[in-house]
């Protein structure tokens, strides 16, 4: 029973790379992309297009202790 809800984000939220693809996908929903693409000015570039980071996770779905961890996944969506 747990497998379906746990796997839902991977099936319903498309991976996106580069940033432009994430911004486009966020117009109608959400996108996920490597946090490493947003470090530096990437997050500000998305925010300029009204897209913000909604969640930051490790690849196994757990929450990181810091945004400095390697291989984090960012979920982004349209800002209202």
N, C-alpha and C. Protein backbone atom coordinates (compact mmCIF):
# COMPACT_ATOMS: atom_id res chain seq x y z
N UNK A 1 0.80 -1.19 0.00
CA UNK A 1 0.00 0.00 0.00
C UNK A 1 0.85 1.26 0.00
N UNK A 2 1.97 1.21 0.63
CA UNK A 2 2.81 2.40 0.74
C UNK A 2 3.54 2.71 -0.57
N UNK A 3 3.80 1.71 -1.38
CA UNK A 3 4.60 1.91 -2.59
C UNK A 3 4.00 2.93 -3.54
N UNK A 4 2.71 2.91 -3.76
CA UNK A 4 2.09 3.83 -4.71
C UNK A 4 2.23 5.30 -4.29
N UNK A 5 1.86 5.68 -3.06
CA UNK A 5 2.01 7.09 -2.70
C UNK A 5 3.46 7.54 -2.62
N UNK A 6 4.36 6.64 -2.23
CA UNK A 6 5.76 7.01 -2.13
C UNK A 6 6.37 7.23 -3.51
N UNK A 7 5.95 6.46 -4.51
CA UNK A 7 6.51 6.60 -5.85
C UNK A 7 5.81 7.67 -6.68
N UNK A 8 4.71 8.23 -6.19
CA UNK A 8 3.95 9.22 -6.95
C UNK A 8 4.78 10.42 -7.41
N UNK A 9 5.58 11.05 -6.55
CA UNK A 9 6.33 12.22 -7.03
C UNK A 9 7.22 11.92 -8.23
N UNK A 10 7.88 10.78 -8.24
CA UNK A 10 8.75 10.45 -9.36
C UNK A 10 7.97 10.28 -10.65
N UNK A 11 6.78 9.76 -10.58
CA UNK A 11 5.97 9.55 -11.77
C UNK A 11 5.24 10.83 -12.20
N UNK A 12 4.81 11.65 -11.27
CA UNK A 12 3.98 12.81 -11.58
C UNK A 12 4.76 14.10 -11.80
N UNK A 13 5.95 14.18 -11.26
CA UNK A 13 6.74 15.41 -11.37
C UNK A 13 7.93 15.13 -12.28
N UNK A 14 7.94 15.73 -13.46
CA UNK A 14 8.99 15.40 -14.43
C UNK A 14 10.36 15.95 -14.02
N UNK A 15 11.40 15.20 -14.36
CA UNK A 15 12.74 15.75 -14.16
C UNK A 15 12.97 16.84 -15.20
N UNK A 16 13.71 17.85 -14.85
CA UNK A 16 13.97 18.95 -15.77
C UNK A 16 15.42 19.38 -15.69
N UNK A 17 15.98 19.62 -16.82
CA UNK A 17 17.33 20.16 -16.92
C UNK A 17 17.48 20.62 -18.35
N UNK A 18 17.79 21.76 -18.63
CA UNK A 18 18.33 22.84 -17.81
C UNK A 18 17.24 23.65 -17.11
N UNK A 19 17.63 24.78 -16.56
CA UNK A 19 16.71 25.62 -15.80
C UNK A 19 15.49 26.04 -16.62
N UNK A 20 15.69 26.28 -17.89
CA UNK A 20 14.59 26.72 -18.74
C UNK A 20 13.49 25.67 -18.81
N UNK A 21 13.86 24.39 -18.84
CA UNK A 21 12.87 23.30 -18.84
C UNK A 21 12.10 23.27 -17.53
N UNK A 22 12.78 23.52 -16.42
CA UNK A 22 12.12 23.54 -15.12
C UNK A 22 11.13 24.70 -15.06
N UNK A 23 11.51 25.85 -15.58
CA UNK A 23 10.61 27.01 -15.58
C UNK A 23 9.38 26.72 -16.44
N UNK A 24 9.57 26.08 -17.57
CA UNK A 24 8.45 25.75 -18.46
C UNK A 24 7.51 24.73 -17.80
N UNK A 25 8.06 23.68 -17.21
CA UNK A 25 7.24 22.66 -16.55
C UNK A 25 6.47 23.25 -15.37
N UNK A 26 7.04 24.24 -14.71
CA UNK A 26 6.40 24.84 -13.54
C UNK A 26 5.19 25.71 -13.89
N UNK A 27 5.03 26.04 -15.16
CA UNK A 27 3.87 26.82 -15.56
C UNK A 27 2.56 26.06 -15.34
N UNK A 28 2.64 24.74 -15.42
CA UNK A 28 1.43 23.91 -15.25
C UNK A 28 1.54 22.92 -14.10
N UNK A 29 2.61 22.97 -13.34
CA UNK A 29 2.76 22.03 -12.25
C UNK A 29 4.09 22.23 -11.54
N UNK A 30 4.83 21.17 -11.42
CA UNK A 30 6.10 21.18 -10.72
C UNK A 30 7.15 20.50 -11.57
N UNK A 31 8.40 20.67 -11.17
CA UNK A 31 9.51 19.98 -11.81
C UNK A 31 10.53 19.63 -10.74
N UNK A 32 11.34 18.65 -11.02
CA UNK A 32 12.43 18.31 -10.10
C UNK A 32 13.73 18.37 -10.87
N UNK A 33 14.74 18.84 -10.22
CA UNK A 33 16.05 18.96 -10.86
C UNK A 33 17.14 18.91 -9.81
N UNK A 34 18.34 18.62 -10.23
CA UNK A 34 19.44 18.58 -9.27
C UNK A 34 19.65 19.95 -8.61
N UNK A 35 19.80 19.95 -7.32
CA UNK A 35 20.04 21.18 -6.58
C UNK A 35 21.30 21.88 -7.07
N UNK A 36 22.26 21.09 -7.55
CA UNK A 36 23.51 21.67 -8.03
C UNK A 36 23.28 22.66 -9.18
N UNK A 37 22.20 22.50 -9.95
CA UNK A 37 21.90 23.44 -11.03
C UNK A 37 21.39 24.78 -10.50
N UNK A 38 20.90 24.78 -9.27
CA UNK A 38 20.33 26.00 -8.70
C UNK A 38 21.31 26.77 -7.83
N UNK A 39 22.38 26.12 -7.43
CA UNK A 39 23.38 26.81 -6.60
C UNK A 39 23.94 27.99 -7.39
N UNK A 40 24.40 28.96 -6.69
CA UNK A 40 24.89 30.17 -7.36
C UNK A 40 23.71 31.02 -7.75
N UNK A 41 23.60 31.36 -9.03
CA UNK A 41 22.52 32.25 -9.46
C UNK A 41 21.31 31.51 -10.02
N UNK A 42 21.31 30.18 -10.04
CA UNK A 42 20.21 29.42 -10.62
C UNK A 42 18.88 29.65 -9.93
N UNK A 43 18.89 29.70 -8.61
CA UNK A 43 17.64 29.91 -7.88
C UNK A 43 17.09 31.31 -8.16
N UNK A 44 17.96 32.30 -8.24
CA UNK A 44 17.52 33.68 -8.54
C UNK A 44 16.99 33.78 -9.97
N UNK A 45 17.61 33.05 -10.89
CA UNK A 45 17.13 33.06 -12.28
C UNK A 45 15.73 32.48 -12.39
N UNK A 46 15.47 31.40 -11.66
CA UNK A 46 14.11 30.83 -11.66
C UNK A 46 13.13 31.79 -10.99
N UNK A 47 13.54 32.39 -9.88
CA UNK A 47 12.66 33.32 -9.15
C UNK A 47 12.28 34.52 -10.01
N UNK A 48 13.17 34.94 -10.90
CA UNK A 48 12.86 36.05 -11.80
C UNK A 48 11.69 35.71 -12.72
N UNK A 49 11.50 34.42 -12.96
CA UNK A 49 10.38 33.95 -13.77
C UNK A 49 9.22 33.43 -12.93
N UNK A 50 9.18 33.81 -11.66
CA UNK A 50 8.12 33.43 -10.73
C UNK A 50 8.07 31.93 -10.44
N UNK A 51 9.24 31.30 -10.35
CA UNK A 51 9.36 29.88 -9.98
C UNK A 51 10.27 29.80 -8.76
N UNK A 52 9.82 29.08 -7.74
CA UNK A 52 10.60 28.96 -6.51
C UNK A 52 10.79 27.51 -6.11
N UNK A 53 11.79 27.28 -5.28
CA UNK A 53 12.05 25.95 -4.73
C UNK A 53 11.01 25.68 -3.65
N UNK A 54 10.32 24.55 -3.77
CA UNK A 54 9.29 24.19 -2.80
C UNK A 54 9.76 23.16 -1.81
N UNK A 55 10.70 22.30 -2.23
CA UNK A 55 11.18 21.23 -1.36
C UNK A 55 12.58 20.84 -1.80
N UNK A 56 13.40 20.49 -0.85
CA UNK A 56 14.76 20.03 -1.11
C UNK A 56 14.92 18.70 -0.40
N UNK A 57 15.30 17.66 -1.14
CA UNK A 57 15.40 16.32 -0.58
C UNK A 57 16.68 15.63 -1.02
N UNK A 58 17.03 14.60 -0.28
CA UNK A 58 18.07 13.69 -0.74
C UNK A 58 17.44 12.79 -1.81
N UNK A 59 18.25 12.11 -2.58
CA UNK A 59 17.71 11.25 -3.64
C UNK A 59 16.85 10.10 -3.10
N UNK A 60 17.03 9.74 -1.83
CA UNK A 60 16.20 8.68 -1.24
C UNK A 60 14.89 9.22 -0.65
N UNK A 61 14.65 10.54 -0.78
CA UNK A 61 13.42 11.14 -0.29
C UNK A 61 13.52 11.72 1.12
N UNK A 62 14.61 11.47 1.80
CA UNK A 62 14.75 12.02 3.16
C UNK A 62 15.17 13.49 3.08
N UNK A 63 15.01 14.19 4.19
CA UNK A 63 15.33 15.60 4.24
C UNK A 63 16.80 15.81 4.60
N UNK A 64 17.46 16.71 3.92
CA UNK A 64 18.87 16.96 4.21
C UNK A 64 19.05 17.79 5.48
N UNK A 65 20.20 17.65 6.09
CA UNK A 65 20.53 18.47 7.25
C UNK A 65 20.99 19.86 6.81
N UNK A 66 21.48 19.94 5.58
CA UNK A 66 22.01 21.20 5.06
C UNK A 66 21.87 21.21 3.54
N UNK A 67 21.77 22.41 2.96
CA UNK A 67 21.70 22.48 1.50
C UNK A 67 23.07 22.36 0.85
N UNK A 68 24.08 22.11 1.66
CA UNK A 68 25.43 21.88 1.15
C UNK A 68 25.71 20.42 0.83
N UNK A 69 24.77 19.53 1.13
CA UNK A 69 24.97 18.11 0.85
C UNK A 69 25.03 17.87 -0.66
N UNK A 70 25.73 16.83 -1.04
CA UNK A 70 25.83 16.45 -2.45
C UNK A 70 24.58 15.72 -2.92
N UNK A 71 24.31 15.83 -4.21
CA UNK A 71 23.26 15.08 -4.89
C UNK A 71 21.86 15.30 -4.33
N UNK A 72 21.54 16.52 -3.95
CA UNK A 72 20.18 16.85 -3.50
C UNK A 72 19.29 17.09 -4.71
N UNK A 73 18.00 16.90 -4.49
CA UNK A 73 17.00 17.11 -5.53
C UNK A 73 16.09 18.26 -5.09
N UNK A 74 15.88 19.21 -5.99
CA UNK A 74 15.00 20.35 -5.70
C UNK A 74 13.70 20.17 -6.46
N UNK A 75 12.60 20.41 -5.78
CA UNK A 75 11.27 20.43 -6.41
C UNK A 75 10.89 21.89 -6.53
N UNK A 76 10.57 22.32 -7.72
CA UNK A 76 10.25 23.72 -7.97
C UNK A 76 8.84 23.86 -8.52
N UNK A 77 8.23 25.00 -8.26
CA UNK A 77 6.89 25.27 -8.75
C UNK A 77 6.65 26.75 -8.89
N UNK A 78 5.58 27.09 -9.54
CA UNK A 78 5.22 28.48 -9.79
C UNK A 78 4.93 29.19 -8.46
N UNK A 79 5.43 30.39 -8.34
CA UNK A 79 5.18 31.22 -7.17
C UNK A 79 3.90 32.02 -7.41
N UNK A 80 3.14 32.23 -6.35
CA UNK A 80 1.89 32.99 -6.48
C UNK A 80 1.98 34.29 -5.75
